[in-house]
Amino acid sequence: GPVHATIVVVEYAGSVSTSRVGGVSVGDAVLGRFTYDTLA
């Protein structure tokens, strides 16, 4: 059966380079996550 993986999960870290949102400033730490299915 299809034992290969298809869902890619990416967790990332970075910093704000531009902001026009209150409470968020340049240099603030950013954490996040995104996923997608390679066989879609």
PDB file of all heavy atoms in Angstrom:
ATOM      1  N   GLY A   1       0.814  -1.208   0.000  1.00  0.00           N
ATOM      2  CA  GLY A   1       0.000   0.000   0.000  1.00  0.00           C
ATOM      3  C   GLY A   1       0.845   1.254   0.000  1.00  0.00           C
ATOM      4  O   GLY A   1       2.073   1.215   0.030  1.00  0.00           O
ATOM      5  N   PRO A   2       0.167   2.415  -0.035  1.00  0.00           N
ATOM      6  CA  PRO A   2       0.862   3.704  -0.111  1.00  0.00           C
ATOM      7  C   PRO A   2       1.466   4.108   1.221  1.00  0.00           C
ATOM      8  O   PRO A   2       0.912   4.896   1.966  1.00  0.00           O
ATOM      9  CB  PRO A   2      -0.269   4.662  -0.520  1.00  0.00           C
ATOM     10  CG  PRO A   2      -1.506   4.042   0.052  1.00  0.00           C
ATOM     11  CD  PRO A   2      -1.293   2.563  -0.044  1.00  0.00           C
ATOM     12  N   VAL A   3       2.656   3.551   1.510  1.00  0.00           N
ATOM     13  CA  VAL A   3       3.280   3.806   2.801  1.00  0.00           C
ATOM     14  C   VAL A   3       4.120   5.076   2.790  1.00  0.00           C
ATOM     15  O   VAL A   3       4.658   5.471   3.809  1.00  0.00           O
ATOM     16  CB  VAL A   3       4.166   2.603   3.222  1.00  0.00           C
ATOM     17  CG1 VAL A   3       3.305   1.372   3.411  1.00  0.00           C
ATOM     18  CG2 VAL A   3       5.234   2.341   2.174  1.00  0.00           C
ATOM     19  N   HIS A   4       4.281   5.712   1.603  1.00  0.00           N
ATOM     20  CA  HIS A   4       5.069   6.925   1.533  1.00  0.00           C
ATOM     21  C   HIS A   4       4.317   8.084   2.181  1.00  0.00           C
ATOM     22  O   HIS A   4       3.105   8.103   2.224  1.00  0.00           O
ATOM     23  CB  HIS A   4       5.388   7.253   0.080  1.00  0.00           C
ATOM     24  CG  HIS A   4       4.172   7.314  -0.796  1.00  0.00           C
ATOM     25  ND1 HIS A   4       3.550   6.187  -1.269  1.00  0.00           N
ATOM     26  CD2 HIS A   4       3.462   8.373  -1.259  1.00  0.00           C
ATOM     27  CE1 HIS A   4       2.505   6.548  -1.992  1.00  0.00           C
ATOM     28  NE2 HIS A   4       2.421   7.855  -1.998  1.00  0.00           N
ATOM     29  N   ALA A   5       5.083   9.037   2.672  1.00  0.00           N
ATOM     30  CA  ALA A   5       4.470  10.208   3.290  1.00  0.00           C
ATOM     31  C   ALA A   5       4.007  11.183   2.225  1.00  0.00           C
ATOM     32  O   ALA A   5       4.605  11.294   1.160  1.00  0.00           O
ATOM     33  CB  ALA A   5       5.480  10.885   4.208  1.00  0.00           C
ATOM     34  N   THR A   6       2.910  11.870   2.499  1.00  0.00           N
ATOM     35  CA  THR A   6       2.422  12.858   1.544  1.00  0.00           C
ATOM     36  C   THR A   6       2.259  14.240   2.174  1.00  0.00           C
ATOM     37  O   THR A   6       2.315  15.236   1.474  1.00  0.00           O
ATOM     38  CB  THR A   6       1.064  12.439   0.962  1.00  0.00           C
ATOM     39  OG1 THR A   6       0.102  12.329   2.018  1.00  0.00           O
ATOM     40  CG2 THR A   6       1.178  11.107   0.255  1.00  0.00           C
ATOM     41  N   ILE A   7       2.051  14.304   3.463  1.00  0.00           N
ATOM     42  CA  ILE A   7       1.822  15.586   4.108  1.00  0.00           C
ATOM     43  C   ILE A   7       3.148  16.176   4.581  1.00  0.00           C
ATOM     44  O   ILE A   7       3.860  15.576   5.371  1.00  0.00           O
ATOM     45  CB  ILE A   7       0.877  15.453   5.323  1.00  0.00           C
ATOM     46  CG1 ILE A   7      -0.423  14.766   4.906  1.00  0.00           C
ATOM     47  CG2 ILE A   7       0.595  16.829   5.917  1.00  0.00           C
ATOM     48  CD1 ILE A   7      -1.204  15.501   3.853  1.00  0.00           C
ATOM     49  N   VAL A   8       3.493  17.354   4.049  1.00  0.00           N
ATOM     50  CA  VAL A   8       4.705  18.050   4.464  1.00  0.00           C
ATOM     51  C   VAL A   8       4.340  19.085   5.516  1.00  0.00           C
ATOM     52  O   VAL A   8       3.414  19.880   5.329  1.00  0.00           O
ATOM     53  CB  VAL A   8       5.388  18.736   3.265  1.00  0.00           C
ATOM     54  CG1 VAL A   8       6.581  19.566   3.737  1.00  0.00           C
ATOM     55  CG2 VAL A   8       5.855  17.698   2.250  1.00  0.00           C
ATOM     56  N   VAL A   9       5.050  19.056   6.630  1.00  0.00           N
ATOM     57  CA  VAL A   9       4.809  19.986   7.732  1.00  0.00           C
ATOM     58  C   VAL A   9       6.060  20.838   7.931  1.00  0.00           C
ATOM     59  O   VAL A   9       7.154  20.311   8.095  1.00  0.00           O
ATOM     60  CB  VAL A   9       4.499  19.239   9.047  1.00  0.00           C
ATOM     61  CG1 VAL A   9       4.265  20.225  10.188  1.00  0.00           C
ATOM     62  CG2 VAL A   9       3.282  18.347   8.868  1.00  0.00           C
ATOM     63  N   VAL A  10       5.901  22.143   7.886  1.00  0.00           N
ATOM     64  CA  VAL A  10       7.017  23.061   8.054  1.00  0.00           C
ATOM     65  C   VAL A  10       6.748  23.978   9.248  1.00  0.00           C
ATOM     66  O   VAL A  10       5.732  24.657   9.297  1.00  0.00           O
ATOM     67  CB  VAL A  10       7.238  23.926   6.802  1.00  0.00           C
ATOM     68  CG1 VAL A  10       8.403  24.895   7.018  1.00  0.00           C
ATOM     69  CG2 VAL A  10       7.475  23.053   5.583  1.00  0.00           C
ATOM     70  N   GLU A  11       7.653  23.955  10.210  1.00  0.00           N
ATOM     71  CA  GLU A  11       7.589  24.883  11.334  1.00  0.00           C
ATOM     72  C   GLU A  11       8.720  25.883  11.162  1.00  0.00           C
ATOM     73  O   GLU A  11       9.849  25.499  10.853  1.00  0.00           O
ATOM     74  CB  GLU A  11       7.707  24.126  12.654  1.00  0.00           C
ATOM     75  CG  GLU A  11       6.541  23.183  12.893  1.00  0.00           C
ATOM     76  CD  GLU A  11       6.652  22.407  14.194  1.00  0.00           C
ATOM     77  OE1 GLU A  11       7.738  21.865  14.450  1.00  0.00           O
ATOM     78  OE2 GLU A  11       5.653  22.342  14.921  1.00  0.00           O
ATOM     79  N   TYR A  12       8.427  27.150  11.338  1.00  0.00           N
ATOM     80  CA  TYR A  12       9.425  28.163  11.021  1.00  0.00           C
ATOM     81  C   TYR A  12       9.558  29.210  12.121  1.00  0.00           C
ATOM     82  O   TYR A  12       8.682  29.378  12.968  1.00  0.00           O
ATOM     83  CB  TYR A  12       9.079  28.859   9.699  1.00  0.00           C
ATOM     84  CG  TYR A  12       7.706  29.504   9.665  1.00  0.00           C
ATOM     85  CD1 TYR A  12       7.483  30.767  10.206  1.00  0.00           C
ATOM     86  CD2 TYR A  12       6.637  28.844   9.069  1.00  0.00           C
ATOM     87  CE1 TYR A  12       6.240  31.359  10.170  1.00  0.00           C
ATOM     88  CE2 TYR A  12       5.380  29.432   9.027  1.00  0.00           C
ATOM     89  CZ  TYR A  12       5.185  30.688   9.580  1.00  0.00           C
ATOM     90  OH  TYR A  12       3.948  31.266   9.537  1.00  0.00           O
ATOM     91  N   ALA A  13      10.687  29.902  12.100  1.00  0.00           N
ATOM     92  CA  ALA A  13      10.952  30.997  13.030  1.00  0.00           C
ATOM     93  C   ALA A  13      11.626  32.113  12.256  1.00  0.00           C
ATOM     94  O   ALA A  13      12.382  31.878  11.314  1.00  0.00           O
ATOM     95  CB  ALA A  13      11.846  30.533  14.180  1.00  0.00           C
ATOM     96  N   GLY A  14      11.342  33.336  12.633  1.00  0.00           N
ATOM     97  CA  GLY A  14      11.936  34.469  11.943  1.00  0.00           C
ATOM     98  C   GLY A  14      11.705  35.753  12.703  1.00  0.00           C
ATOM     99  O   GLY A  14      11.509  35.735  13.926  1.00  0.00           O
ATOM    100  N   SER A  15      11.723  36.864  11.984  1.00  0.00           N
ATOM    101  CA  SER A  15      11.531  38.163  12.629  1.00  0.00           C
ATOM    102  C   SER A  15      10.771  39.102  11.701  1.00  0.00           C
ATOM    103  O   SER A  15      10.842  38.979  10.468  1.00  0.00           O
ATOM    104  CB  SER A  15      12.885  38.779  13.004  1.00  0.00           C
ATOM    105  OG  SER A  15      13.686  38.957  11.849  1.00  0.00           O
ATOM    106  N   VAL A  16      10.058  40.041  12.292  1.00  0.00           N
ATOM    107  CA  VAL A  16       9.266  41.000  11.535  1.00  0.00           C
ATOM    108  C   VAL A  16      10.192  41.985  10.827  1.00  0.00           C
ATOM    109  O   VAL A  16      11.086  42.565  11.447  1.00  0.00           O
ATOM    110  CB  VAL A  16       8.302  41.758  12.460  1.00  0.00           C
ATOM    111  CG1 VAL A  16       7.562  42.859  11.706  1.00  0.00           C
ATOM    112  CG2 VAL A  16       7.308  40.776  13.097  1.00  0.00           C
ATOM    113  N   SER A  17       9.996  42.162   9.520  1.00  0.00           N
ATOM    114  CA  SER A  17      10.793  43.126   8.759  1.00  0.00           C
ATOM    115  C   SER A  17      10.022  44.420   8.506  1.00  0.00           C
ATOM    116  O   SER A  17      10.619  45.491   8.375  1.00  0.00           O
ATOM    117  CB  SER A  17      11.228  42.513   7.428  1.00  0.00           C
ATOM    118  OG  SER A  17      10.098  42.102   6.676  1.00  0.00           O
ATOM    119  N   THR A  18       8.703  44.321   8.418  1.00  0.00           N
ATOM    120  CA  THR A  18       7.852  45.490   8.228  1.00  0.00           C
ATOM    121  C   THR A  18       6.545  45.281   8.977  1.00  0.00           C
ATOM    122  O   THR A  18       6.009  44.169   8.968  1.00  0.00           O
ATOM    123  CB  THR A  18       7.520  45.716   6.735  1.00  0.00           C
ATOM    124  OG1 THR A  18       8.727  45.853   6.005  1.00  0.00           O
ATOM    125  CG2 THR A  18       6.665  46.962   6.545  1.00  0.00           C
ATOM    126  N   SER A  19       6.041  46.292   9.629  1.00  0.00           N
ATOM    127  CA  SER A  19       4.778  46.152  10.340  1.00  0.00           C
ATOM    128  C   SER A  19       3.970  47.436  10.315  1.00  0.00           C
ATOM    129  O   SER A  19       4.492  48.520  10.541  1.00  0.00           O
ATOM    130  CB  SER A  19       5.015  45.749  11.799  1.00  0.00           C
ATOM    131  OG  SER A  19       3.779  45.735  12.514  1.00  0.00           O
ATOM    132  N   ARG A  20       2.678  47.272  10.018  1.00  0.00           N
ATOM    133  CA  ARG A  20       1.734  48.361  10.145  1.00  0.00           C
ATOM    134  C   ARG A  20       0.559  47.899  11.005  1.00  0.00           C
ATOM    135  O   ARG A  20      -0.571  48.346  10.839  1.00  0.00           O
ATOM    136  CB  ARG A  20       1.244  48.796   8.761  1.00  0.00           C
ATOM    137  CG  ARG A  20       2.346  49.373   7.884  1.00  0.00           C
ATOM    138  CD  ARG A  20       1.792  50.076   6.648  1.00  0.00           C
ATOM    139  NE  ARG A  20       1.101  49.153   5.762  1.00  0.00           N
ATOM    140  CZ  ARG A  20       1.729  48.453   4.811  1.00  0.00           C
ATOM    141  NH1 ARG A  20       3.051  48.566   4.647  1.00  0.00           N
ATOM    142  NH2 ARG A  20       1.055  47.664   4.025  1.00  0.00           N
ATOM    143  N   VAL A  21       0.854  46.970  11.919  1.00  0.00           N
ATOM    144  CA  VAL A  21      -0.154  46.418  12.823  1.00  0.00           C
ATOM    145  C   VAL A  21       0.200  46.797  14.252  1.00  0.00           C
ATOM    146  O   VAL A  21       1.341  46.602  14.688  1.00  0.00           O
ATOM    147  CB  VAL A  21      -0.241  44.877  12.687  1.00  0.00           C
ATOM    148  CG1 VAL A  21      -1.173  44.296  13.738  1.00  0.00           C
ATOM    149  CG2 VAL A  21      -0.717  44.501  11.293  1.00  0.00           C
ATOM    150  N   GLY A  22      -0.757  47.316  14.977  1.00  0.00           N
ATOM    151  CA  GLY A  22      -0.514  47.686  16.358  1.00  0.00           C
ATOM    152  C   GLY A  22      -0.114  46.498  17.206  1.00  0.00           C
ATOM    153  O   GLY A  22      -0.687  45.411  17.086  1.00  0.00           O
ATOM    154  N   GLY A  23       0.896  46.685  18.058  1.00  0.00           N
ATOM    155  CA  GLY A  23       1.369  45.601  18.908  1.00  0.00           C
ATOM    156  C   GLY A  23       2.424  44.745  18.263  1.00  0.00           C
ATOM    157  O   GLY A  23       2.946  43.811  18.882  1.00  0.00           O
ATOM    158  N   VAL A  24       2.756  45.020  17.002  1.00  0.00           N
ATOM    159  CA  VAL A  24       3.791  44.270  16.294  1.00  0.00           C
ATOM    160  C   VAL A  24       4.829  45.254  15.766  1.00  0.00           C
ATOM    161  O   VAL A  24       4.492  46.199  15.046  1.00  0.00           O
ATOM    162  CB  VAL A  24       3.211  43.462  15.120  1.00  0.00           C
ATOM    163  CG1 VAL A  24       4.323  42.739  14.369  1.00  0.00           C
ATOM    164  CG2 VAL A  24       2.175  42.471  15.622  1.00  0.00           C
ATOM    165  N   SER A  25       6.109  45.021  16.120  1.00  0.00           N
ATOM    166  CA  SER A  25       7.179  45.941  15.718  1.00  0.00           C
ATOM    167  C   SER A  25       8.259  45.212  14.928  1.00  0.00           C
ATOM    168  O   SER A  25       8.388  43.975  15.018  1.00  0.00           O
ATOM    169  CB  SER A  25       7.814  46.584  16.961  1.00  0.00           C
ATOM    170  OG  SER A  25       6.847  47.277  17.734  1.00  0.00           O
ATOM    171  N   VAL A  26       9.019  45.958  14.159  1.00  0.00           N
ATOM    172  CA  VAL A  26      10.141  45.399  13.412  1.00  0.00           C
ATOM    173  C   VAL A  26      11.115  44.738  14.385  1.00  0.00           C
ATOM    174  O   VAL A  26      11.464  45.310  15.421  1.00  0.00           O
ATOM    175  CB  VAL A  26      10.860  46.498  12.609  1.00  0.00           C
ATOM    176  CG1 VAL A  26      12.142  45.951  11.967  1.00  0.00           C
ATOM    177  CG2 VAL A  26       9.942  47.080  11.558  1.00  0.00           C
ATOM    178  N   GLY A  27      11.538  43.528  14.062  1.00  0.00           N
ATOM    179  CA  GLY A  27      12.456  42.787  14.918  1.00  0.00           C
ATOM    180  C   GLY A  27      11.770  41.805  15.843  1.00  0.00           C
ATOM    181  O   GLY A  27      12.431  40.942  16.433  1.00  0.00           O
ATOM    182  N   ASP A  28      10.447  41.918  15.998  1.00  0.00           N
ATOM    183  CA  ASP A  28       9.725  40.983  16.864  1.00  0.00           C
ATOM    184  C   ASP A  28       9.834  39.562  16.313  1.00  0.00           C
ATOM    185  O   ASP A  28       9.852  39.347  15.098  1.00  0.00           O
ATOM    186  CB  ASP A  28       8.246  41.373  16.966  1.00  0.00           C
ATOM    187  CG  ASP A  28       8.029  42.601  17.833  1.00  0.00           C
ATOM    188  OD1 ASP A  28       8.972  42.998  18.540  1.00  0.00           O
ATOM    189  OD2 ASP A  28       6.907  43.162  17.797  1.00  0.00           O
ATOM    190  N   ALA A  29       9.890  38.602  17.238  1.00  0.00           N
ATOM    191  CA  ALA A  29      10.013  37.197  16.843  1.00  0.00           C
ATOM    192  C   ALA A  29       8.713  36.678  16.238  1.00  0.00           C
ATOM    193  O   ALA A  29       7.617  37.006  16.691  1.00  0.00           O
ATOM    194  CB  ALA A  29      10.396  36.347  18.048  1.00  0.00           C
ATOM    195  N   VAL A  30       8.864  35.863  15.208  1.00  0.00           N
ATOM    196  CA  VAL A  30       7.733  35.252  14.515  1.00  0.00           C
ATOM    197  C   VAL A  30       7.871  33.737  14.587  1.00  0.00           C
ATOM    198  O   VAL A  30       8.947  33.192  14.329  1.00  0.00           O
ATOM    199  CB  VAL A  30       7.688  35.674  13.030  1.00  0.00           C
ATOM    200  CG1 VAL A  30       6.594  34.915  12.283  1.00  0.00           C
ATOM    201  CG2 VAL A  30       7.467  37.167  12.907  1.00  0.00           C
ATOM    202  N   LEU A  31       6.801  33.063  14.949  1.00  0.00           N
ATOM    203  CA  LEU A  31       6.756  31.605  14.942  1.00  0.00           C
ATOM    204  C   LEU A  31       5.548  31.178  14.116  1.00  0.00           C
ATOM    205  O   LEU A  31       4.512  31.839  14.132  1.00  0.00           O
ATOM    206  CB  LEU A  31       6.636  31.035  16.358  1.00  0.00           C
ATOM    207  CG  LEU A  31       7.812  31.268  17.303  1.00  0.00           C
ATOM    208  CD1 LEU A  31       7.473  30.737  18.697  1.00  0.00           C
ATOM    209  CD2 LEU A  31       9.072  30.591  16.769  1.00  0.00           C
ATOM    210  N   GLY A  32       5.676  30.084  13.401  1.00  0.00           N
ATOM    211  CA  GLY A  32       4.543  29.659  12.600  1.00  0.00           C
ATOM    212  C   GLY A  32       4.678  28.252  12.068  1.00  0.00           C
ATOM    213  O   GLY A  32       5.647  27.542  12.353  1.00  0.00           O
ATOM    214  N   ARG A  33       3.692  27.875  11.262  1.00  0.00           N
ATOM    215  CA  ARG A  33       3.611  26.508  10.763  1.00  0.00           C
ATOM    216  C   ARG A  33       2.782  26.509   9.485  1.00  0.00           C
ATOM    217  O   ARG A  33       1.812  27.258   9.370  1.00  0.00           O
ATOM    218  CB  ARG A  33       2.942  25.639  11.827  1.00  0.00           C
ATOM    219  CG  ARG A  33       2.878  24.140  11.563  1.00  0.00           C
ATOM    220  CD  ARG A  33       2.259  23.475  12.781  1.00  0.00           C
ATOM    221  NE  ARG A  33       2.379  22.034  12.767  1.00  0.00           N
ATOM    222  CZ  ARG A  33       1.447  21.208  12.283  1.00  0.00           C
ATOM    223  NH1 ARG A  33       0.337  21.712  11.775  1.00  0.00           N
ATOM    224  NH2 ARG A  33       1.623  19.903  12.312  1.00  0.00           N
ATOM    225  N   PHE A  34       3.167  25.685   8.512  1.00  0.00           N
ATOM    226  CA  PHE A  34       2.284  25.472   7.381  1.00  0.00           C
ATOM    227  C   PHE A  34       2.390  24.040   6.891  1.00  0.00           C
ATOM    228  O   PHE A  34       3.405  23.372   7.108  1.00  0.00           O
ATOM    229  CB  PHE A  34       2.527  26.484   6.249  1.00  0.00           C
ATOM    230  CG  PHE A  34       3.838  26.346   5.519  1.00  0.00           C
ATOM    231  CD1 PHE A  34       3.953  25.522   4.411  1.00  0.00           C
ATOM    232  CD2 PHE A  34       4.941  27.093   5.910  1.00  0.00           C
ATOM    233  CE1 PHE A  34       5.146  25.423   3.707  1.00  0.00           C
ATOM    234  CE2 PHE A  34       6.139  27.014   5.212  1.00  0.00           C
ATOM    235  CZ  PHE A  34       6.248  26.168   4.107  1.00  0.00           C
ATOM    236  N   THR A  35       1.337  23.555   6.274  1.00  0.00           N
ATOM    237  CA  THR A  35       1.288  22.175   5.795  1.00  0.00           C
ATOM    238  C   THR A  35       0.688  22.135   4.396  1.00  0.00           C
ATOM    239  O   THR A  35      -0.073  23.015   4.005  1.00  0.00           O
ATOM    240  CB  THR A  35       0.429  21.283   6.718  1.00  0.00           C
ATOM    241  OG1 THR A  35      -0.947  21.666   6.591  1.00  0.00           O
ATOM    242  CG2 THR A  35       0.855  21.404   8.167  1.00  0.00           C
ATOM    243  N   TYR A  36       1.033  21.078   3.651  1.00  0.00           N
ATOM    244  CA  TYR A  36       0.400  20.847   2.357  1.00  0.00           C
ATOM    245  C   TYR A  36       0.574  19.383   1.977  1.00  0.00           C
ATOM    246  O   TYR A  36       1.442  18.684   2.502  1.00  0.00           O
ATOM    247  CB  TYR A  36       0.968  21.769   1.270  1.00  0.00           C
ATOM    248  CG  TYR A  36       2.439  21.563   0.987  1.00  0.00           C
ATOM    249  CD1 TYR A  36       2.879  20.701  -0.015  1.00  0.00           C
ATOM    250  CD2 TYR A  36       3.415  22.240   1.724  1.00  0.00           C
ATOM    251  CE1 TYR A  36       4.220  20.519  -0.282  1.00  0.00           C
ATOM    252  CE2 TYR A  36       4.760  22.068   1.470  1.00  0.00           C
ATOM    253  CZ  TYR A  36       5.155  21.215   0.462  1.00  0.00           C
ATOM    254  OH  TYR A  36       6.502  21.030   0.218  1.00  0.00           O
ATOM    255  N   ASP A  37      -0.254  18.917   1.052  1.00  0.00           N
ATOM    256  CA  ASP A  37      -0.242  17.531   0.599  1.00  0.00           C
ATOM    257  C   ASP A  37       0.454  17.457  -0.752  1.00  0.00           C
ATOM    258  O   ASP A  37      -0.014  18.047  -1.735  1.00  0.00           O
ATOM    259  CB  ASP A  37      -1.684  17.028   0.482  1.00  0.00           C
ATOM    260  CG  ASP A  37      -1.757  15.545   0.144  1.00  0.00           C
ATOM    261  OD1 ASP A  37      -0.730  14.961  -0.237  1.00  0.00           O
ATOM    262  OD2 ASP A  37      -2.854  14.971   0.265  1.00  0.00           O
ATOM    263  N   THR A  38       1.559  16.740  -0.831  1.00  0.00           N
ATOM    264  CA  THR A  38       2.328  16.677  -2.074  1.00  0.00           C
ATOM    265  C   THR A  38       1.597  15.924  -3.178  1.00  0.00           C
ATOM    266  O   THR A  38       1.971  16.028  -4.346  1.00  0.00           O
ATOM    267  CB  THR A  38       3.693  15.996  -1.845  1.00  0.00           C
ATOM    268  OG1 THR A  38       3.483  14.659  -1.402  1.00  0.00           O
ATOM    269  CG2 THR A  38       4.517  16.764  -0.824  1.00  0.00           C
ATOM    270  N   LEU A  39       0.575  15.160  -2.833  1.00  0.00           N
ATOM    271  CA  LEU A  39      -0.150  14.389  -3.839  1.00  0.00           C
ATOM    272  C   LEU A  39      -1.501  14.999  -4.195  1.00  0.00           C
ATOM    273  O   LEU A  39      -2.332  14.352  -4.823  1.00  0.00           O
ATOM    274  CB  LEU A  39      -0.354  12.940  -3.367  1.00  0.00           C
ATOM    275  CG  LEU A  39       0.925  12.115  -3.189  1.00  0.00           C
ATOM    276  CD1 LEU A  39       0.581  10.678  -2.836  1.00  0.00           C
ATOM    277  CD2 LEU A  39       1.779  12.165  -4.448  1.00  0.00           C
ATOM    278  N   ALA A  40      -1.730  16.252  -3.809  1.00  0.00           N
ATOM    279  CA  ALA A  40      -2.973  16.918  -4.169  1.00  0.00           C
ATOM    280  C   ALA A  40      -3.059  17.063  -5.688  1.00  0.00           C
ATOM    281  O   ALA A  40      -2.048  17.132  -6.379  1.00  0.00           O
ATOM    282  CB  ALA A  40      -3.056  18.289  -3.507  1.00  0.00           C
TER     283      ALA A  40
END
